[in-house]
Amino acid sequence: MIQVSNHLSGETRIQQTTRSDEDLYAYEIDEVGRAIAAGDQQSPEMSWEHSRGNAVVLDAWLKEAGVSYA
């Protein structure tokens, strides 16, 4: 099982997984598959806005660390 925390609302819940060795990446892949199968444009677990915000922060960290892919 995976503990999922919503940092905006403070809500924490336990997510049942299909295998005990499943990790967060497997959960993320399963959620993307579920959303696509349901015809959803985005997952209620994480909006595009939050995903983009994460990417902006990660890009800033990489730049500060001197990482470049050019």
N, C-alpha and C. Protein backbone atom coordinates (compact mmCIF):
# COMPACT_ATOMS: atom_id res chain seq x y z
N MET A 1 0.84 -1.18 0.00
CA MET A 1 0.00 0.00 0.00
C MET A 1 0.88 1.24 0.00
N ILE A 2 0.35 2.29 -0.56
CA ILE A 2 1.07 3.56 -0.66
C ILE A 2 0.28 4.63 0.07
N GLN A 3 0.97 5.43 0.86
CA GLN A 3 0.33 6.56 1.51
C GLN A 3 0.41 7.75 0.58
N VAL A 4 -0.73 8.36 0.26
CA VAL A 4 -0.79 9.50 -0.65
C VAL A 4 -1.22 10.73 0.14
N SER A 5 -0.43 11.80 0.04
CA SER A 5 -0.76 13.03 0.75
C SER A 5 -1.06 14.13 -0.25
N ASN A 6 -2.16 14.84 -0.02
CA ASN A 6 -2.50 16.01 -0.82
C ASN A 6 -2.00 17.21 -0.04
N HIS A 7 -0.92 17.83 -0.53
CA HIS A 7 -0.29 18.91 0.21
C HIS A 7 -1.11 20.19 0.21
N LEU A 8 -2.06 20.31 -0.69
CA LEU A 8 -2.91 21.51 -0.70
C LEU A 8 -3.99 21.42 0.37
N SER A 9 -4.64 20.26 0.47
CA SER A 9 -5.74 20.11 1.43
C SER A 9 -5.28 19.54 2.76
N GLY A 10 -4.10 18.92 2.78
CA GLY A 10 -3.62 18.27 4.00
C GLY A 10 -4.18 16.87 4.18
N GLU A 11 -5.02 16.43 3.25
CA GLU A 11 -5.63 15.11 3.33
C GLU A 11 -4.59 14.02 3.04
N THR A 12 -4.63 12.96 3.81
CA THR A 12 -3.78 11.80 3.57
C THR A 12 -4.67 10.58 3.47
N ARG A 13 -4.37 9.72 2.50
CA ARG A 13 -5.14 8.49 2.35
C ARG A 13 -4.20 7.37 1.98
N ILE A 14 -4.66 6.16 2.17
CA ILE A 14 -3.89 4.98 1.80
C ILE A 14 -4.42 4.49 0.46
N GLN A 15 -3.51 4.28 -0.50
CA GLN A 15 -3.87 3.79 -1.83
C GLN A 15 -3.55 2.31 -1.91
N GLN A 16 -4.56 1.50 -2.17
CA GLN A 16 -4.36 0.07 -2.35
C GLN A 16 -3.64 -0.18 -3.66
N THR A 17 -2.59 -0.95 -3.64
CA THR A 17 -1.87 -1.29 -4.85
C THR A 17 -2.13 -2.75 -5.20
N THR A 18 -1.84 -3.10 -6.42
CA THR A 18 -2.11 -4.47 -6.85
C THR A 18 -0.99 -5.42 -6.46
N ARG A 19 0.21 -4.91 -6.22
CA ARG A 19 1.34 -5.75 -5.82
C ARG A 19 2.07 -5.08 -4.67
N SER A 20 2.58 -5.88 -3.77
CA SER A 20 3.28 -5.32 -2.61
C SER A 20 4.58 -4.64 -2.98
N ASP A 21 5.18 -5.01 -4.13
CA ASP A 21 6.45 -4.41 -4.54
C ASP A 21 6.27 -3.20 -5.46
N GLU A 22 5.03 -2.78 -5.66
CA GLU A 22 4.76 -1.63 -6.52
C GLU A 22 5.31 -0.36 -5.88
N ASP A 23 5.88 0.51 -6.68
CA ASP A 23 6.39 1.76 -6.16
C ASP A 23 5.56 2.93 -6.69
N LEU A 24 5.95 4.13 -6.35
CA LEU A 24 5.18 5.30 -6.75
C LEU A 24 5.13 5.49 -8.26
N TYR A 25 6.20 5.11 -8.97
CA TYR A 25 6.18 5.24 -10.42
C TYR A 25 5.15 4.29 -11.03
N ALA A 26 5.04 3.09 -10.48
CA ALA A 26 4.03 2.15 -10.96
C ALA A 26 2.63 2.71 -10.69
N TYR A 27 2.44 3.29 -9.52
CA TYR A 27 1.15 3.91 -9.20
C TYR A 27 0.84 5.03 -10.19
N GLU A 28 1.83 5.85 -10.48
CA GLU A 28 1.64 6.96 -11.41
C GLU A 28 1.26 6.45 -12.80
N ILE A 29 1.94 5.42 -13.26
CA ILE A 29 1.64 4.83 -14.56
C ILE A 29 0.22 4.26 -14.57
N ASP A 30 -0.17 3.57 -13.49
CA ASP A 30 -1.53 3.04 -13.40
C ASP A 30 -2.57 4.15 -13.45
N GLU A 31 -2.28 5.26 -12.78
CA GLU A 31 -3.23 6.38 -12.75
C GLU A 31 -3.36 7.02 -14.13
N VAL A 32 -2.25 7.16 -14.85
CA VAL A 32 -2.30 7.70 -16.21
C VAL A 32 -3.15 6.78 -17.08
N GLY A 33 -2.92 5.48 -16.98
CA GLY A 33 -3.72 4.51 -17.75
C GLY A 33 -5.19 4.61 -17.42
N ARG A 34 -5.51 4.76 -16.13
CA ARG A 34 -6.90 4.88 -15.72
C ARG A 34 -7.53 6.14 -16.31
N ALA A 35 -6.81 7.26 -16.24
CA ALA A 35 -7.34 8.53 -16.75
C ALA A 35 -7.56 8.46 -18.26
N ILE A 36 -6.62 7.88 -18.98
CA ILE A 36 -6.76 7.76 -20.43
C ILE A 36 -7.95 6.88 -20.78
N ALA A 37 -8.08 5.75 -20.09
CA ALA A 37 -9.18 4.83 -20.35
C ALA A 37 -10.53 5.48 -20.06
N ALA A 38 -10.55 6.37 -19.06
CA ALA A 38 -11.78 7.06 -18.70
C ALA A 38 -12.06 8.26 -19.60
N GLY A 39 -11.11 8.59 -20.48
CA GLY A 39 -11.29 9.75 -21.35
C GLY A 39 -11.02 11.07 -20.66
N ASP A 40 -10.38 11.03 -19.50
CA ASP A 40 -10.08 12.26 -18.76
C ASP A 40 -8.93 13.00 -19.40
N GLN A 41 -8.97 14.33 -19.36
CA GLN A 41 -7.89 15.16 -19.87
C GLN A 41 -6.72 15.23 -18.88
N GLN A 42 -7.02 15.09 -17.59
CA GLN A 42 -5.99 15.09 -16.56
C GLN A 42 -6.50 14.30 -15.36
N SER A 43 -5.60 13.90 -14.52
CA SER A 43 -5.96 13.11 -13.35
C SER A 43 -6.39 14.02 -12.20
N PRO A 44 -7.37 13.62 -11.42
CA PRO A 44 -7.70 14.40 -10.23
C PRO A 44 -6.60 14.30 -9.17
N GLU A 45 -5.68 13.35 -9.33
CA GLU A 45 -4.59 13.18 -8.37
C GLU A 45 -3.56 14.31 -8.50
N MET A 46 -3.35 14.82 -9.73
CA MET A 46 -2.43 15.93 -9.94
C MET A 46 -2.80 16.64 -11.23
N SER A 47 -3.10 17.92 -11.11
CA SER A 47 -3.51 18.71 -12.27
C SER A 47 -2.31 19.05 -13.15
N TRP A 48 -2.60 19.50 -14.35
CA TRP A 48 -1.54 19.97 -15.25
C TRP A 48 -0.78 21.12 -14.58
N GLU A 49 -1.51 21.98 -13.90
CA GLU A 49 -0.89 23.13 -13.23
C GLU A 49 0.15 22.67 -12.21
N HIS A 50 -0.19 21.66 -11.43
CA HIS A 50 0.75 21.16 -10.44
C HIS A 50 1.93 20.44 -11.10
N SER A 51 1.67 19.69 -12.16
CA SER A 51 2.75 19.02 -12.88
C SER A 51 3.72 20.05 -13.47
N ARG A 52 3.17 21.10 -14.06
CA ARG A 52 4.02 22.15 -14.63
C ARG A 52 4.82 22.85 -13.53
N GLY A 53 4.19 23.10 -12.40
CA GLY A 53 4.89 23.71 -11.28
C GLY A 53 6.07 22.86 -10.82
N ASN A 54 5.87 21.55 -10.76
CA ASN A 54 6.96 20.65 -10.40
C ASN A 54 8.10 20.74 -11.42
N ALA A 55 7.76 20.78 -12.70
CA ALA A 55 8.77 20.86 -13.75
C ALA A 55 9.56 22.16 -13.65
N VAL A 56 8.88 23.25 -13.35
CA VAL A 56 9.56 24.55 -13.22
C VAL A 56 10.56 24.50 -12.06
N VAL A 57 10.15 23.94 -10.94
CA VAL A 57 11.05 23.84 -9.78
C VAL A 57 12.24 22.93 -10.10
N LEU A 58 11.98 21.78 -10.72
CA LEU A 58 13.07 20.87 -11.07
C LEU A 58 14.04 21.51 -12.06
N ASP A 59 13.52 22.25 -13.03
CA ASP A 59 14.37 22.95 -13.98
C ASP A 59 15.26 23.98 -13.27
N ALA A 60 14.69 24.69 -12.29
CA ALA A 60 15.47 25.68 -11.54
C ALA A 60 16.57 24.99 -10.74
N TRP A 61 16.27 23.87 -10.12
CA TRP A 61 17.28 23.12 -9.36
C TRP A 61 18.40 22.65 -10.27
N LEU A 62 18.04 22.11 -11.43
CA LEU A 62 19.05 21.63 -12.38
C LEU A 62 19.94 22.78 -12.85
N LYS A 63 19.33 23.92 -13.16
CA LYS A 63 20.10 25.08 -13.62
C LYS A 63 21.06 25.53 -12.52
N GLU A 64 20.56 25.59 -11.29
CA GLU A 64 21.39 26.02 -10.15
C GLU A 64 22.55 25.05 -9.93
N ALA A 65 22.33 23.77 -10.21
CA ALA A 65 23.37 22.76 -10.04
C ALA A 65 24.32 22.70 -11.24
N GLY A 66 24.04 23.50 -12.28
CA GLY A 66 24.90 23.54 -13.44
C GLY A 66 24.65 22.44 -14.46
N VAL A 67 23.51 21.78 -14.35
CA VAL A 67 23.17 20.71 -15.30
C VAL A 67 22.62 21.33 -16.57
N SER A 68 23.15 20.93 -17.70
CA SER A 68 22.70 21.44 -18.99
C SER A 68 22.60 20.29 -19.97
N TYR A 69 21.56 20.28 -20.77
CA TYR A 69 21.35 19.23 -21.77
C TYR A 69 21.59 19.75 -23.17
N ALA A 70 22.24 20.89 -23.28
CA ALA A 70 22.49 21.50 -24.60
C ALA A 70 23.61 20.81 -25.32
